C-alpha atoms as a PDB file:
ATOM      1  CA  MET A   1      99.447  49.911  74.112  1.00  0.00           C
ATOM      2  CA  ASP A   2     103.065  49.970  75.357  1.00  0.00           C
ATOM      3  CA  ILE A   3     104.618  52.943  77.153  1.00  0.00           C
ATOM      4  CA  PHE A   4     106.386  54.188  73.993  1.00  0.00           C
ATOM      5  CA  SER A   5     103.157  54.226  71.990  1.00  0.00           C
ATOM      6  CA  ARG A   6     101.255  55.955  74.788  1.00  0.00           C
ATOM      7  CA  LEU A   7     103.947  58.579  75.242  1.00  0.00           C
ATOM      8  CA  THR A   8     104.179  59.249  71.520  1.00  0.00           C
ATOM      9  CA  ALA A   9     100.404  59.574  71.114  1.00  0.00           C
ATOM     10  CA  LEU A  10     100.081  61.925  74.061  1.00  0.00           C
ATOM     11  CA  PHE A  11     103.031  63.957  72.944  1.00  0.00           C
ATOM     12  CA  LEU A  12     101.928  64.420  69.352  1.00  0.00           C
ATOM     13  CA  THR A  13      98.396  65.464  70.319  1.00  0.00           C
ATOM     14  CA  SER A  14      99.437  67.946  73.001  1.00  0.00           C
ATOM     15  CA  ILE A  15     102.881  69.289  72.071  1.00  0.00           C
ATOM     16  CA  LEU A  16     101.815  72.706  70.782  1.00  0.00           C
ATOM     17  CA  LEU A  17      99.712  73.636  73.807  1.00  0.00           C
ATOM     18  CA  LEU A  18     102.099  72.238  76.368  1.00  0.00           C
ATOM     19  CA  THR A  19     105.212  73.773  74.879  1.00  0.00           C
ATOM     20  CA  ALA A  20     103.632  77.159  75.571  1.00  0.00           C
ATOM     21  CA  ALA A  21     102.606  76.044  79.058  1.00  0.00           C
ATOM     22  CA  CYS A  22     106.094  74.816  79.865  1.00  0.00           C
ATOM     23  CA  ALA A  23     107.557  78.123  78.770  1.00  0.00           C
ATOM     24  CA  SER A  24     105.489  79.924  81.388  1.00  0.00           C
ATOM     25  CA  LYS A  25     105.444  77.247  84.129  1.00  0.00           C
ATOM     26  CA  PRO A  26     108.668  75.325  84.842  1.00  0.00           C
ATOM     27  CA  ALA A  27     108.553  71.702  86.004  1.00  0.00           C
ATOM     28  CA  GLU A  28     108.666  70.970  89.718  1.00  0.00           C
ATOM     29  CA  GLY A  29     112.044  71.590  91.293  1.00  0.00           C
ATOM     30  CA  SER A  30     113.352  73.361  88.216  1.00  0.00           C
ATOM     31  CA  GLU A  31     115.481  76.459  87.946  1.00  0.00           C
ATOM     32  CA  ILE A  32     114.935  78.308  84.703  1.00  0.00           C
ATOM     33  CA  ASP A  33     117.041  81.097  83.235  1.00  0.00           C
ATOM     34  CA  GLY A  34     115.697  82.101  79.853  1.00  0.00           C
ATOM     35  CA  SER A  35     118.971  83.758  78.822  1.00  0.00           C
ATOM     36  CA  ALA A  36     121.122  80.689  79.582  1.00  0.00           C
ATOM     37  CA  ALA A  37     123.018  79.010  76.785  1.00  0.00           C
ATOM     38  CA  ILE A  38     122.070  75.407  77.510  1.00  0.00           C
ATOM     39  CA  LYS A  39     118.578  74.023  78.096  1.00  0.00           C
ATOM     40  CA  THR A  40     119.124  71.017  80.356  1.00  0.00           C
ATOM     41  CA  VAL A  41     116.717  68.371  81.652  1.00  0.00           C
ATOM     42  CA  VAL A  42     117.649  65.993  84.491  1.00  0.00           C
ATOM     43  CA  SER A  43     115.941  62.896  85.866  1.00  0.00           C
ATOM     44  CA  PHE A  44     116.127  63.547  89.639  1.00  0.00           C
ATOM     45  CA  ASP A  45     117.342  65.946  92.321  1.00  0.00           C
ATOM     46  CA  ALA A  46     120.975  64.893  92.784  1.00  0.00           C
ATOM     47  CA  LEU A  47     121.583  65.409  89.056  1.00  0.00           C
ATOM     48  CA  PHE A  48     119.698  68.706  89.185  1.00  0.00           C
ATOM     49  CA  GLU A  49     122.046  70.030  91.859  1.00  0.00           C
ATOM     50  CA  LEU A  50     125.180  68.817  90.096  1.00  0.00           C
ATOM     51  CA  ALA A  51     124.021  70.338  86.804  1.00  0.00           C
ATOM     52  CA  VAL A  52     123.264  73.691  88.456  1.00  0.00           C
ATOM     53  CA  MET A  53     126.668  73.732  90.160  1.00  0.00           C
ATOM     54  CA  ILE A  54     128.583  72.876  86.986  1.00  0.00           C
ATOM     55  CA  GLY A  55     126.463  74.887  84.560  1.00  0.00           C
ATOM     56  CA  GLY A  56     126.308  78.084  86.590  1.00  0.00           C
ATOM     57  CA  ASP A  57     124.555  80.915  84.772  1.00  0.00           C
ATOM     58  CA  ARG A  58     125.146  79.351  81.347  1.00  0.00           C
ATOM     59  CA  ALA A  59     122.629  76.541  81.902  1.00  0.00           C
ATOM     60  CA  SER A  60     118.894  76.446  82.555  1.00  0.00           C
ATOM     61  CA  VAL A  61     118.175  73.225  84.419  1.00  0.00           C
ATOM     62  CA  SER A  62     114.786  71.514  84.730  1.00  0.00           C
ATOM     63  CA  ASN A  63     114.142  68.513  86.959  1.00  0.00           C
ATOM     64  CA  ILE A  64     111.278  66.444  85.550  1.00  0.00           C
ATOM     65  CA  MET A  65     110.983  64.276  88.675  1.00  0.00           C
ATOM     66  CA  PRO A  66     108.149  65.427  90.997  1.00  0.00           C
ATOM     67  CA  PRO A  67     109.101  65.738  94.683  1.00  0.00           C
ATOM     68  CA  GLY A  68     108.982  62.364  96.435  1.00  0.00           C
ATOM     69  CA  ALA A  69     108.509  60.368  93.209  1.00  0.00           C
ATOM     70  CA  ASP A  70     110.326  57.087  92.570  1.00  0.00           C
ATOM     71  CA  ALA A  71     112.651  57.576  89.606  1.00  0.00           C
ATOM     72  CA  HIS A  72     112.671  53.864  88.804  1.00  0.00           C
ATOM     73  CA  HIS A  73     108.880  53.690  88.414  1.00  0.00           C
ATOM     74  CA  PHE A  74     108.304  57.198  87.048  1.00  0.00           C
ATOM     75  CA  GLU A  75     106.355  57.668  83.814  1.00  0.00           C
ATOM     76  CA  PRO A  76     107.094  60.924  81.955  1.00  0.00           C
ATOM     77  CA  ARG A  77     104.225  63.329  81.424  1.00  0.00           C
ATOM     78  CA  VAL A  78     103.513  65.112  78.178  1.00  0.00           C
ATOM     79  CA  ARG A  79     105.045  68.347  79.477  1.00  0.00           C
ATOM     80  CA  ASP A  80     108.226  66.376  80.277  1.00  0.00           C
ATOM     81  CA  LEU A  81     108.396  65.297  76.645  1.00  0.00           C
ATOM     82  CA  ALA A  82     107.846  68.913  75.623  1.00  0.00           C
ATOM     83  CA  LEU A  83     110.891  69.896  77.680  1.00  0.00           C
ATOM     84  CA  LEU A  84     112.967  67.128  76.110  1.00  0.00           C
ATOM     85  CA  SER A  85     111.832  68.099  72.602  1.00  0.00           C
ATOM     86  CA  THR A  86     113.590  71.481  72.903  1.00  0.00           C
ATOM     87  CA  ALA A  87     116.401  70.618  75.328  1.00  0.00           C
ATOM     88  CA  ASP A  88     120.099  70.621  74.509  1.00  0.00           C
ATOM     89  CA  VAL A  89     121.184  68.119  77.180  1.00  0.00           C
ATOM     90  CA  PHE A  90     119.372  65.313  79.011  1.00  0.00           C
ATOM     91  CA  ILE A  91     121.193  64.054  82.119  1.00  0.00           C
ATOM     92  CA  VAL A  92     120.404  60.599  83.515  1.00  0.00           C
ATOM     93  CA  CYS A  93     122.031  58.242  85.990  1.00  0.00           C
ATOM     94  CA  GLY A  94     121.981  55.060  83.918  1.00  0.00           C
ATOM     95  CA  LEU A  95     122.603  51.590  85.422  1.00  0.00           C
ATOM     96  CA  GLY A  96     118.912  50.826  84.955  1.00  0.00           C
ATOM     97  CA  PHE A  97     117.774  53.591  87.313  1.00  0.00           C
ATOM     98  CA  GLU A  98     115.551  55.275  84.680  1.00  0.00           C
ATOM     99  CA  PRO A  99     114.038  52.442  82.591  1.00  0.00           C
ATOM    100  CA  TRP A 100     111.655  54.972  81.027  1.00  0.00           C
ATOM    101  CA  ALA A 101     114.363  57.285  79.669  1.00  0.00           C
ATOM    102  CA  GLU A 102     114.970  55.620  76.311  1.00  0.00           C
ATOM    103  CA  SER A 103     111.275  55.641  75.399  1.00  0.00           C
ATOM    104  CA  ALA A 104     110.961  59.263  76.522  1.00  0.00           C
ATOM    105  CA  VAL A 105     113.880  60.329  74.328  1.00  0.00           C
ATOM    106  CA  SER A 106     112.389  58.477  71.346  1.00  0.00           C
ATOM    107  CA  ALA A 107     108.987  60.096  71.896  1.00  0.00           C
ATOM    108  CA  ALA A 108     110.530  63.573  72.193  1.00  0.00           C
ATOM    109  CA  ALA A 109     112.111  63.159  68.725  1.00  0.00           C
ATOM    110  CA  ASN A 110     114.905  65.673  69.366  1.00  0.00           C
ATOM    111  CA  ASP A 111     117.758  64.744  67.020  1.00  0.00           C
ATOM    112  CA  GLY A 112     120.092  67.319  68.542  1.00  0.00           C
ATOM    113  CA  LEU A 113     119.645  66.149  72.142  1.00  0.00           C
ATOM    114  CA  ILE A 114     122.874  65.244  73.939  1.00  0.00           C
ATOM    115  CA  ILE A 115     122.357  62.331  76.348  1.00  0.00           C
ATOM    116  CA  CYS A 116     124.671  62.511  79.369  1.00  0.00           C
ATOM    117  CA  THR A 117     124.797  59.249  81.345  1.00  0.00           C
ATOM    118  CA  VAL A 118     126.629  60.193  84.521  1.00  0.00           C
ATOM    119  CA  SER A 119     127.502  56.609  85.459  1.00  0.00           C
ATOM    120  CA  ARG A 120     129.848  56.347  82.469  1.00  0.00           C
ATOM    121  CA  GLY A 121     133.329  55.492  83.755  1.00  0.00           C
ATOM    122  CA  ILE A 122     132.121  54.221  87.146  1.00  0.00           C
ATOM    123  CA  GLU A 123     132.682  50.540  87.914  1.00  0.00           C
ATOM    124  CA  PRO A 124     129.170  49.260  88.706  1.00  0.00           C
ATOM    125  CA  ILE A 125     128.374  47.110  91.707  1.00  0.00           C
ATOM    126  CA  ILE A 126     126.167  44.046  91.275  1.00  0.00           C
ATOM    127  CA  PRO A 127     124.379  43.313  94.564  1.00  0.00           C
ATOM    128  CA  SER A 128     125.202  39.952  96.082  1.00  0.00           C
ATOM    129  CA  ASP A 129     122.559  37.386  96.967  1.00  0.00           C
ATOM    130  CA  GLU A 130     122.968  38.469 100.580  1.00  0.00           C
ATOM    131  CA  ASP A 131     122.226  42.080  99.678  1.00  0.00           C
ATOM    132  CA  GLU A 132     119.019  41.018  97.945  1.00  0.00           C
ATOM    133  CA  ALA A 133     117.931  38.410 100.476  1.00  0.00           C
ATOM    134  CA  HIS A 134     114.929  40.582 101.412  1.00  0.00           C
ATOM    135  CA  ASP A 135     113.860  41.267  97.828  1.00  0.00           C
ATOM    136  CA  PRO A 136     113.706  38.013  95.811  1.00  0.00           C
ATOM    137  CA  SER A 137     111.471  39.538  93.117  1.00  0.00           C
ATOM    138  CA  HIS A 138     114.462  41.028  91.321  1.00  0.00           C
ATOM    139  CA  HIS A 139     116.293  37.736  90.910  1.00  0.00           C
ATOM    140  CA  ASP A 140     114.094  36.916  87.909  1.00  0.00           C
ATOM    141  CA  HIS A 141     115.444  39.740  85.718  1.00  0.00           C
ATOM    142  CA  ASP A 142     117.440  38.689  82.654  1.00  0.00           C
ATOM    143  CA  ASP A 143     118.738  42.200  81.925  1.00  0.00           C
ATOM    144  CA  ARG A 144     122.050  42.492  83.779  1.00  0.00           C
ATOM    145  CA  GLU A 145     121.771  46.295  83.887  1.00  0.00           C
ATOM    146  CA  GLU A 146     118.606  45.886  85.940  1.00  0.00           C
ATOM    147  CA  MET A 147     120.742  44.174  88.579  1.00  0.00           C
ATOM    148  CA  TYR A 148     123.323  46.936  88.909  1.00  0.00           C
ATOM    149  CA  ASP A 149     123.174  48.992  92.072  1.00  0.00           C
ATOM    150  CA  PRO A 150     122.413  52.491  90.703  1.00  0.00           C
ATOM    151  CA  HIS A 151     123.041  54.534  93.891  1.00  0.00           C
ATOM    152  CA  ILE A 152     126.290  56.113  92.723  1.00  0.00           C
ATOM    153  CA  TRP A 153     125.325  59.658  93.772  1.00  0.00           C
ATOM    154  CA  LEU A 154     125.716  58.716  97.465  1.00  0.00           C
ATOM    155  CA  SER A 155     129.454  58.154  96.948  1.00  0.00           C
ATOM    156  CA  PRO A 156     131.747  61.216  96.916  1.00  0.00           C
ATOM    157  CA  SER A 157     134.241  59.577  94.548  1.00  0.00           C
ATOM    158  CA  CYS A 158     131.458  58.614  92.128  1.00  0.00           C
ATOM    159  CA  ALA A 159     130.003  62.132  92.376  1.00  0.00           C
ATOM    160  CA  ILE A 160     133.284  63.526  91.041  1.00  0.00           C
ATOM    161  CA  ILE A 161     133.035  61.280  87.966  1.00  0.00           C
ATOM    162  CA  MET A 162     129.366  62.196  87.564  1.00  0.00           C
ATOM    163  CA  ALA A 163     130.276  65.899  87.605  1.00  0.00           C
ATOM    164  CA  GLU A 164     133.041  65.312  85.058  1.00  0.00           C
ATOM    165  CA  ASN A 165     130.533  63.685  82.718  1.00  0.00           C
ATOM    166  CA  ILE A 166     128.126  66.599  83.130  1.00  0.00           C
ATOM    167  CA  ALA A 167     130.897  69.105  82.431  1.00  0.00           C
ATOM    168  CA  GLY A 168     131.819  67.155  79.300  1.00  0.00           C
ATOM    169  CA  ALA A 169     128.233  67.278  78.031  1.00  0.00           C
ATOM    170  CA  PHE A 170     128.002  71.013  78.691  1.00  0.00           C
ATOM    171  CA  ILE A 171     131.270  71.635  76.872  1.00  0.00           C
ATOM    172  CA  GLU A 172     129.995  69.612  73.902  1.00  0.00           C
ATOM    173  CA  ALA A 173     126.779  71.650  73.830  1.00  0.00           C
ATOM    174  CA  ASP A 174     128.429  75.016  74.553  1.00  0.00           C
ATOM    175  CA  PRO A 175     132.175  75.106  73.767  1.00  0.00           C
ATOM    176  CA  GLU A 176     132.327  78.828  74.541  1.00  0.00           C
ATOM    177  CA  GLY A 177     131.518  78.090  78.187  1.00  0.00           C
ATOM    178  CA  GLU A 178     134.291  75.542  78.664  1.00  0.00           C
ATOM    179  CA  GLU A 179     136.354  77.707  80.998  1.00  0.00           C
ATOM    180  CA  LEU A 180     133.397  78.255  83.330  1.00  0.00           C
ATOM    181  CA  TYR A 181     132.393  74.584  83.339  1.00  0.00           C
ATOM    182  CA  ARG A 182     135.915  73.424  84.084  1.00  0.00           C
ATOM    183  CA  SER A 183     136.290  76.011  86.843  1.00  0.00           C
ATOM    184  CA  ASN A 184     133.013  74.990  88.483  1.00  0.00           C
ATOM    185  CA  LEU A 185     133.965  71.317  88.147  1.00  0.00           C
ATOM    186  CA  ALA A 186     137.319  71.977  89.816  1.00  0.00           C
ATOM    187  CA  GLY A 187     135.671  73.720  92.763  1.00  0.00           C
ATOM    188  CA  PHE A 188     133.098  70.956  93.250  1.00  0.00           C
ATOM    189  CA  SER A 189     135.676  68.187  92.898  1.00  0.00           C
ATOM    190  CA  SER A 190     137.961  69.936  95.383  1.00  0.00           C
ATOM    191  CA  ARG A 191     135.212  70.018  98.004  1.00  0.00           C
ATOM    192  CA  LEU A 192     134.472  66.320  97.547  1.00  0.00           C
ATOM    193  CA  SER A 193     138.155  65.376  97.491  1.00  0.00           C
ATOM    194  CA  GLY A 194     138.522  67.194 100.805  1.00  0.00           C
ATOM    195  CA  LEU A 195     135.661  65.154 102.286  1.00  0.00           C
ATOM    196  CA  ILE A 196     137.180  61.932 100.952  1.00  0.00           C
ATOM    197  CA  ALA A 197     140.542  62.733 102.532  1.00  0.00           C
ATOM    198  CA  GLU A 198     138.985  63.794 105.847  1.00  0.00           C
ATOM    199  CA  TYR A 199     136.760  60.758 106.256  1.00  0.00           C
ATOM    200  CA  SER A 200     139.272  58.254 104.903  1.00  0.00           C
ATOM    201  CA  GLY A 201     141.403  59.274 107.871  1.00  0.00           C
ATOM    202  CA  LYS A 202     138.503  59.158 110.320  1.00  0.00           C
ATOM    203  CA  PHE A 203     137.156  55.796 109.163  1.00  0.00           C
ATOM    204  CA  GLY A 204     140.668  54.389 109.064  1.00  0.00           C
ATOM    205  CA  LEU A 205     140.971  54.830 112.833  1.00  0.00           C
ATOM    206  CA  LEU A 206     137.833  52.812 113.628  1.00  0.00           C
ATOM    207  CA  GLU A 207     137.705  49.166 114.619  1.00  0.00           C
ATOM    208  CA  ASN A 208     134.011  48.882 113.750  1.00  0.00           C
ATOM    209  CA  ARG A 209     133.463  49.276 110.006  1.00  0.00           C
ATOM    210  CA  THR A 210     130.011  47.700 109.651  1.00  0.00           C
ATOM    211  CA  LEU A 211     126.988  49.933 109.253  1.00  0.00           C
ATOM    212  CA  VAL A 212     123.395  48.694 109.375  1.00  0.00           C
ATOM    213  CA  THR A 213     121.009  50.561 107.099  1.00  0.00           C
ATOM    214  CA  GLY A 214     117.293  50.536 106.441  1.00  0.00           C
ATOM    215  CA  HIS A 215     117.897  50.179 102.697  1.00  0.00           C
ATOM    216  CA  ALA A 216     121.019  48.839 100.978  1.00  0.00           C
ATOM    217  CA  VAL A 217     121.955  52.001  99.079  1.00  0.00           C
ATOM    218  CA  PHE A 218     125.429  52.785 100.405  1.00  0.00           C
ATOM    219  CA  ALA A 219     127.538  50.169  98.623  1.00  0.00           C
ATOM    220  CA  TYR A 220     129.472  52.756  96.583  1.00  0.00           C
ATOM    221  CA  LEU A 221     130.105  54.925  99.639  1.00  0.00           C
ATOM    222  CA  CYS A 222     131.251  51.823 101.526  1.00  0.00           C
ATOM    223  CA  ARG A 223     133.617  51.031  98.664  1.00  0.00           C
ATOM    224  CA  ASP A 224     135.097  54.526  98.995  1.00  0.00           C
ATOM    225  CA  PHE A 225     135.990  54.066 102.658  1.00  0.00           C
ATOM    226  CA  GLY A 226     136.418  50.323 103.170  1.00  0.00           C
ATOM    227  CA  LEU A 227     133.152  49.952 105.074  1.00  0.00           C
ATOM    228  CA  ILE A 228     130.707  47.024 105.184  1.00  0.00           C
ATOM    229  CA  GLN A 229     126.952  47.414 104.718  1.00  0.00           C
ATOM    230  CA  ASN A 230     124.265  45.194 106.230  1.00  0.00           C
ATOM    231  CA  SER A 231     120.671  46.200 105.580  1.00  0.00           C
ATOM    232  CA  VAL A 232     117.071  45.673 106.551  1.00  0.00           C
ATOM    233  CA  GLU A 233     115.957  45.843 102.900  1.00  0.00           C
ATOM    234  CA  GLY A 234     117.782  45.105  99.669  1.00  0.00           C
ATOM    235  CA  VAL A 235     118.854  47.483  96.910  1.00  0.00           C
ATOM    236  CA  PHE A 236     115.643  46.972  94.944  1.00  0.00           C
ATOM    237  CA  SER A 237     113.284  46.400  97.872  1.00  0.00           C
ATOM    238  CA  GLU A 238     109.593  47.093  97.341  1.00  0.00           C
ATOM    239  CA  GLY A 239     108.123  45.663 100.532  1.00  0.00           C
ATOM    240  CA  GLU A 240     108.855  44.744 104.095  1.00  0.00           C
ATOM    241  CA  PRO A 241     111.434  42.070 104.969  1.00  0.00           C
ATOM    242  CA  SER A 242     110.344  38.724 106.311  1.00  0.00           C
ATOM    243  CA  ALA A 243     110.178  38.083 110.049  1.00  0.00           C
ATOM    244  CA  ARG A 244     113.052  35.616 109.667  1.00  0.00           C
ATOM    245  CA  ALA A 245     115.275  38.166 107.910  1.00  0.00           C
ATOM    246  CA  LEU A 246     114.513  40.767 110.565  1.00  0.00           C
ATOM    247  CA  ALA A 247     115.284  38.265 113.343  1.00  0.00           C
ATOM    248  CA  GLU A 248     118.626  37.470 111.703  1.00  0.00           C
ATOM    249  CA  LEU A 249     119.485  41.169 111.614  1.00  0.00           C
ATOM    250  CA  VAL A 250     118.523  41.573 115.276  1.00  0.00           C
ATOM    251  CA  ASP A 251     120.923  38.746 116.135  1.00  0.00           C
ATOM    252  CA  PHE A 252     123.607  40.325 113.955  1.00  0.00           C
ATOM    253  CA  CYS A 253     123.235  43.703 115.689  1.00  0.00           C
ATOM    254  CA  ARG A 254     123.409  42.142 119.133  1.00  0.00           C
ATOM    255  CA  GLU A 255     126.408  39.971 118.312  1.00  0.00           C
ATOM    256  CA  ASN A 256     128.337  42.839 116.711  1.00  0.00           C
ATOM    257  CA  ASN A 257     127.385  45.554 119.221  1.00  0.00           C
ATOM    258  CA  ILE A 258     125.643  47.675 116.585  1.00  0.00           C
ATOM    259  CA  THR A 259     124.437  50.847 118.297  1.00  0.00           C
ATOM    260  CA  SER A 260     122.910  52.732 115.335  1.00  0.00           C
ATOM    261  CA  ILE A 261     120.520  51.868 112.503  1.00  0.00           C
ATOM    262  CA  LEU A 262     120.707  54.275 109.560  1.00  0.00           C
ATOM    263  CA  ALA A 263     117.341  55.028 107.941  1.00  0.00           C
ATOM    264  CA  GLU A 264     116.598  57.215 104.925  1.00  0.00           C
ATOM    265  CA  ASN A 265     115.314  60.633 105.876  1.00  0.00           C
ATOM    266  CA  ARG A 266     112.094  60.390 103.837  1.00  0.00           C
ATOM    267  CA  ALA A 267     111.523  56.633 104.123  1.00  0.00           C
ATOM    268  CA  ASN A 268     109.106  54.838 106.401  1.00  0.00           C
ATOM    269  CA  THR A 269     111.389  54.029 109.330  1.00  0.00           C
ATOM    270  CA  LEU A 270     108.985  51.644 111.094  1.00  0.00           C
ATOM    271  CA  VAL A 271     111.016  48.536 110.236  1.00  0.00           C
ATOM    272  CA  ALA A 272     114.277  50.244 111.188  1.00  0.00           C
ATOM    273  CA  GLN A 273     112.722  51.371 114.455  1.00  0.00           C
ATOM    274  CA  THR A 274     111.571  47.818 115.166  1.00  0.00           C
ATOM    275  CA  LEU A 275     115.075  46.522 114.518  1.00  0.00           C
ATOM    276  CA  ALA A 276     116.578  49.199 116.742  1.00  0.00           C
ATOM    277  CA  ALA A 277     114.138  48.490 119.573  1.00  0.00           C
ATOM    278  CA  GLU A 278     114.822  44.747 119.440  1.00  0.00           C
ATOM    279  CA  SER A 279     118.596  45.132 119.279  1.00  0.00           C
ATOM    280  CA  GLY A 280     119.052  48.039 121.690  1.00  0.00           C
ATOM    281  CA  ALA A 281     120.230  50.424 118.960  1.00  0.00           C
ATOM    282  CA  VAL A 282     118.985  53.876 117.950  1.00  0.00           C
ATOM    283  CA  VAL A 283     117.753  55.085 114.551  1.00  0.00           C
ATOM    284  CA  ARG A 284     119.745  57.860 112.875  1.00  0.00           C
ATOM    285  CA  THR A 285     118.366  59.573 109.789  1.00  0.00           C
ATOM    286  CA  ILE A 286     120.400  59.902 106.623  1.00  0.00           C
ATOM    287  CA  TYR A 287     119.704  61.517 103.249  1.00  0.00           C
ATOM    288  CA  THR A 288     119.069  59.697  99.968  1.00  0.00           C
ATOM    289  CA  LEU A 289     119.617  62.825  97.806  1.00  0.00           C
ATOM    290  CA  GLU A 290     116.956  61.594  95.362  1.00  0.00           C
ATOM    291  CA  SER A 291     114.609  64.508  96.177  1.00  0.00           C
ATOM    292  CA  ALA A 292     115.175  67.931  97.720  1.00  0.00           C
ATOM    293  CA  GLU A 293     115.515  67.494 101.495  1.00  0.00           C
ATOM    294  CA  ASP A 294     115.361  69.993 104.374  1.00  0.00           C
ATOM    295  CA  GLY A 295     116.491  72.901 102.200  1.00  0.00           C
ATOM    296  CA  LEU A 296     120.064  71.559 102.146  1.00  0.00           C
ATOM    297  CA  THR A 297     122.411  71.439  99.169  1.00  0.00           C
ATOM    298  CA  TYR A 298     123.926  68.284  97.736  1.00  0.00           C
ATOM    299  CA  LEU A 299     127.269  68.987  99.430  1.00  0.00           C
ATOM    300  CA  GLU A 300     125.623  69.765 102.762  1.00  0.00           C
ATOM    301  CA  ARG A 301     123.694  66.511 102.693  1.00  0.00           C
ATOM    302  CA  MET A 302     126.769  64.531 101.637  1.00  0.00           C
ATOM    303  CA  GLU A 303     128.703  66.009 104.546  1.00  0.00           C
ATOM    304  CA  HIS A 304     125.796  65.240 106.897  1.00  0.00           C
ATOM    305  CA  ASN A 305     125.688  61.617 105.729  1.00  0.00           C
ATOM    306  CA  LEU A 306     129.401  61.095 106.276  1.00  0.00           C
ATOM    307  CA  ALA A 307     129.240  62.657 109.733  1.00  0.00           C
ATOM    308  CA  VAL A 308     126.252  60.496 110.755  1.00  0.00           C
ATOM    309  CA  ILE A 309     127.855  57.311 109.421  1.00  0.00           C
ATOM    310  CA  HIS A 310     131.081  58.066 111.258  1.00  0.00           C
ATOM    311  CA  GLU A 311     129.209  58.828 114.475  1.00  0.00           C
ATOM    312  CA  SER A 312     127.210  55.610 114.154  1.00  0.00           C
ATOM    313  CA  LEU A 313     130.421  53.572 114.030  1.00  0.00           C
ATOM    314  CA  THR A 314     132.171  55.177 117.001  1.00  0.00           C
END
């Protein structure tokens, strides 16, 4: 039985009981306001935070992604379908990041559901062969969308477009709240534009523009600031790199005087630590923004990332 059939069967047999359960027990990481105008479901934490910021008190936002889960391999639960069956807006990244989303929407059978794909309007990046040298398994995909780098939320310029798309979906669902949504969007975009201006100036003064990361997820951020990314693992990595690939990166770090290896805050940093030890560099932690981290907001973590990246290059 395929995932669509399984989801539909589970949903149809359990919807009545679980709708009541969901009303009394929100999904993990969710923020529920029963009096809000728009019932919104999002696919992971970065979208949850953007939706809360833009929606303000006119939106109830539920994040169906459990803490620490992998959005790419996630399978919706019956209570997630119950949320979607009564939601007004469903916010997803797109670019192949949530391959389960289409089946989940079909199983929820909500004809009035507005689908907001936040990557709309963003020029996608297709990882080069070099980026994926440590993850050959993904070279067999025929679906071009599967090969897009989905990590747009780590780029401040992309985050502005993402927020604009969310505001547009909220306005479509709740025209009376347009003034609030546009005001919240303006405030959020202003903060990010300020960070872009500040760090464009800072990065522009540096001779070294190459950062070495544990996982190749910063291509969009690098595009924002004219930086170059070299990584231990590729965009779609699901295992450890080969000894040869690691040795090549050690040589690269030594030859280019790389002093810092950036590793995701919640990732296993063993490989990055090995690379750092062999090359004489240090490991600096950076946020992925896929799950809630250290009690910090999206903007706080974005600012932290930019500061750490800048410090690693100086």
